[in-house]
Amino acid sequence: MSTISRELINPEGMHPAPGFSHVTVAEGSRVAYLAGQVALAPDFSVVGSDLREQTVAAMENVGRALEAVGASWDQVVRRTIYTTTPREYEVITAAIEQVQGSQEHPAQTIIGVTGLAVEGLLIEIEVTAVMA
């Protein structure tokens, strides 16, 4: 039986990594690429009116997608965040940690955007997971 191995690395001589790791090294036999998840309810209504609430809702949707493929948070090796407020990374990080129940973060990029696909959305989160 295969096992997943995930190593989070922050090399010396690089700036601190608040809410992410500079490098993730993963070994496994199955890879899941999750589409960007946003703060939308099943009825397509926007969940939450601020960045924290929407990040929690988007991460809960990521969690549902991970569960559907039999993956967990500790198998996430890459996270890309698209947001209209990229400088609010502390709010984003706190909300992510609340949902995943951990302060461990994979390699991550935050990208500032002028808007997302549905009016009122502030954040979209996509991840890649490696599983056994």
Protein backbone atom coordinates (compact mmCIF):
# COMPACT_ATOMS: atom_id res chain seq x y z
CA MET A 1 0.00 0.00 0.00
CA SER A 2 1.30 3.46 -0.93
CA THR A 3 1.57 6.23 1.61
CA ILE A 4 1.57 9.99 1.26
CA SER A 5 4.55 11.99 2.38
CA ARG A 6 4.38 15.77 2.64
CA GLU A 7 7.33 17.90 3.75
CA LEU A 8 6.92 21.65 4.28
CA ILE A 9 10.16 23.62 3.86
CA ASN A 10 11.09 27.23 4.60
CA PRO A 11 14.76 27.60 3.56
CA GLU A 12 17.14 29.71 5.63
CA GLY A 13 17.92 33.10 4.12
CA MET A 14 14.39 33.62 2.80
CA HIS A 15 11.76 35.97 4.20
CA PRO A 16 9.28 34.62 6.77
CA ALA A 17 6.32 32.75 5.32
CA PRO A 18 3.20 33.98 7.14
CA GLY A 19 0.40 31.53 6.38
CA PHE A 20 2.28 29.44 3.80
CA SER A 21 5.44 27.43 3.18
CA HIS A 22 7.97 28.36 0.51
CA VAL A 23 8.25 24.73 -0.65
CA THR A 24 6.19 21.57 -0.38
CA VAL A 25 7.70 18.23 -1.36
CA ALA A 26 5.18 15.42 -1.77
CA GLU A 27 5.24 11.75 -2.65
CA GLY A 28 2.15 9.72 -3.42
CA SER A 29 0.46 7.85 -6.20
CA ARG A 30 -2.69 9.91 -6.78
CA VAL A 31 -3.04 13.65 -7.42
CA ALA A 32 -6.26 15.68 -7.15
CA TYR A 33 -6.52 19.13 -8.70
CA LEU A 34 -9.45 20.99 -7.16
CA ALA A 35 -11.12 23.80 -9.06
CA GLY A 36 -11.23 27.16 -7.36
CA GLN A 37 -13.81 27.18 -4.60
CA VAL A 38 -15.71 30.29 -3.56
CA ALA A 39 -18.22 31.31 -0.91
CA LEU A 40 -21.31 30.02 -2.72
CA ALA A 41 -24.11 28.04 -1.12
CA PRO A 42 -25.81 25.16 -3.00
CA ASP A 43 -28.48 27.65 -4.15
CA PHE A 44 -25.69 29.78 -5.74
CA SER A 45 -26.10 32.59 -3.20
CA VAL A 46 -22.99 34.32 -1.81
CA VAL A 47 -22.16 33.23 1.76
CA GLY A 48 -20.75 35.98 3.96
CA SER A 49 -20.34 39.69 3.51
CA ASP A 50 -16.69 40.12 4.52
CA LEU A 51 -13.38 38.50 3.68
CA ARG A 52 -13.18 36.34 6.81
CA GLU A 53 -16.68 34.90 6.38
CA GLN A 54 -16.13 34.27 2.68
CA THR A 55 -12.73 32.64 3.27
CA VAL A 56 -14.29 30.29 5.83
CA ALA A 57 -17.10 29.41 3.40
CA ALA A 58 -14.69 28.87 0.49
CA MET A 59 -12.44 26.67 2.65
CA GLU A 60 -15.46 24.65 3.79
CA ASN A 61 -16.23 24.04 0.11
CA VAL A 62 -12.59 23.01 -0.45
CA GLY A 63 -12.99 20.61 2.48
CA ARG A 64 -16.10 19.08 0.90
CA ALA A 65 -14.23 18.58 -2.38
CA LEU A 66 -11.25 17.02 -0.58
CA GLU A 67 -13.58 14.68 1.29
CA ALA A 68 -15.23 13.65 -2.00
CA VAL A 69 -11.89 12.30 -3.25
CA GLY A 70 -10.83 10.83 0.08
CA ALA A 71 -8.21 13.48 0.83
CA SER A 72 -7.46 15.50 3.95
CA TRP A 73 -5.90 18.88 4.71
CA ASP A 74 -2.50 17.35 5.40
CA GLN A 75 -2.43 16.01 1.83
CA VAL A 76 -2.77 19.48 0.29
CA VAL A 77 0.56 20.37 -1.33
CA ARG A 78 -0.31 23.60 -3.16
CA ARG A 79 -2.83 26.39 -2.63
CA THR A 80 -3.57 29.33 -4.91
CA ILE A 81 -5.74 32.18 -3.66
CA TYR A 82 -7.37 34.78 -5.88
CA THR A 83 -8.74 37.75 -3.96
CA THR A 84 -9.85 41.33 -4.43
CA THR A 85 -7.99 42.18 -1.20
CA PRO A 86 -4.56 40.45 -1.40
CA ARG A 87 -2.99 42.55 1.35
CA GLU A 88 -5.44 41.12 3.89
CA TYR A 89 -3.41 37.90 4.11
CA GLU A 90 -3.61 37.85 7.93
CA VAL A 91 -7.42 37.66 7.77
CA ILE A 92 -7.20 34.97 5.08
CA THR A 93 -4.63 32.96 7.05
CA ALA A 94 -6.67 33.06 10.29
CA ALA A 95 -9.81 31.88 8.48
CA ILE A 96 -7.91 29.07 6.73
CA GLU A 97 -6.43 27.91 10.04
CA GLN A 98 -9.89 27.97 11.63
CA VAL A 99 -11.29 25.61 9.00
CA GLN A 100 -8.34 23.26 8.55
CA GLY A 101 -7.64 23.14 12.29
CA SER A 102 -3.92 23.59 11.81
CA GLN A 103 -1.23 26.23 11.43
CA GLU A 104 0.62 24.13 8.84
CA HIS A 105 0.38 25.54 5.34
CA PRO A 106 1.49 24.21 1.96
CA ALA A 107 3.22 26.22 -0.74
CA GLN A 108 0.88 29.07 -1.63
CA THR A 109 0.43 32.06 -3.89
CA ILE A 110 -2.00 34.94 -3.30
CA ILE A 111 -3.02 36.79 -6.44
CA GLY A 112 -4.84 40.12 -6.42
CA VAL A 113 -7.72 40.33 -8.89
CA THR A 114 -10.18 43.05 -9.83
CA GLY A 115 -13.16 40.74 -9.56
CA LEU A 116 -14.37 37.15 -9.53
CA ALA A 117 -17.00 35.28 -11.58
CA VAL A 118 -19.97 36.14 -9.35
CA GLU A 119 -20.64 39.66 -8.14
CA GLY A 120 -19.95 40.08 -4.44
CA LEU A 121 -17.30 37.36 -4.18
CA LEU A 122 -14.03 38.42 -2.53
CA ILE A 123 -11.94 35.22 -2.64
CA GLU A 124 -11.44 31.99 -4.58
CA ILE A 125 -9.21 29.14 -3.36
CA GLU A 126 -7.86 26.24 -5.41
CA VAL A 127 -5.69 23.41 -4.11
CA THR A 128 -3.73 20.39 -5.26
CA ALA A 129 -3.63 17.28 -3.06
CA VAL A 130 -1.38 14.23 -3.30
CA MET A 131 -2.79 11.00 -1.93
CA ALA A 132 -1.64 7.42 -1.43
